[in-house]
Amino acid sequence: MPASDPDTDADAAGTDDPTYPTGRNVLEPGCARCPALADSRECISWGTGDRDASIVVVGEAPGRGTPDADRWRGGNWTGKAYTSRHSGRRIRRLLADVGYGDDAYYTNAV
């Protein structure tokens, strides 16, 4: 059996996982100003991190994600930006490796 790849295996708990966000910065609960988006999402994906962070990471939209994953399911399921098992973990790990682990704010354009 091949070794588990934390970037592709939804249930892998890699030892080098970045810090998983614990909170969300909810601005307008239940927002439905974009009807097509509101009809297709599971939940609103809010920004995470310190609003006064040195770096802001803006994604195009919440990750579709994998609802069956243990933790990194994606913003469409967690309600937190950059929490997909692939791109969310990758960008958070990258920024942590260069010293911005706790000094970045993650959000989406929509």
Foldseek 3Di string as FASTA:
>chain_A
DDDDDQQPDLADDDPLFADDFDDFDDDDAPDCPPVVVSVPAQGAAGKTADPQFPAEAEAAGKDPAQLPGPWQGICSNPSHHLSHSHRSRVVLSVCVVVPCNRRYMYYYPD
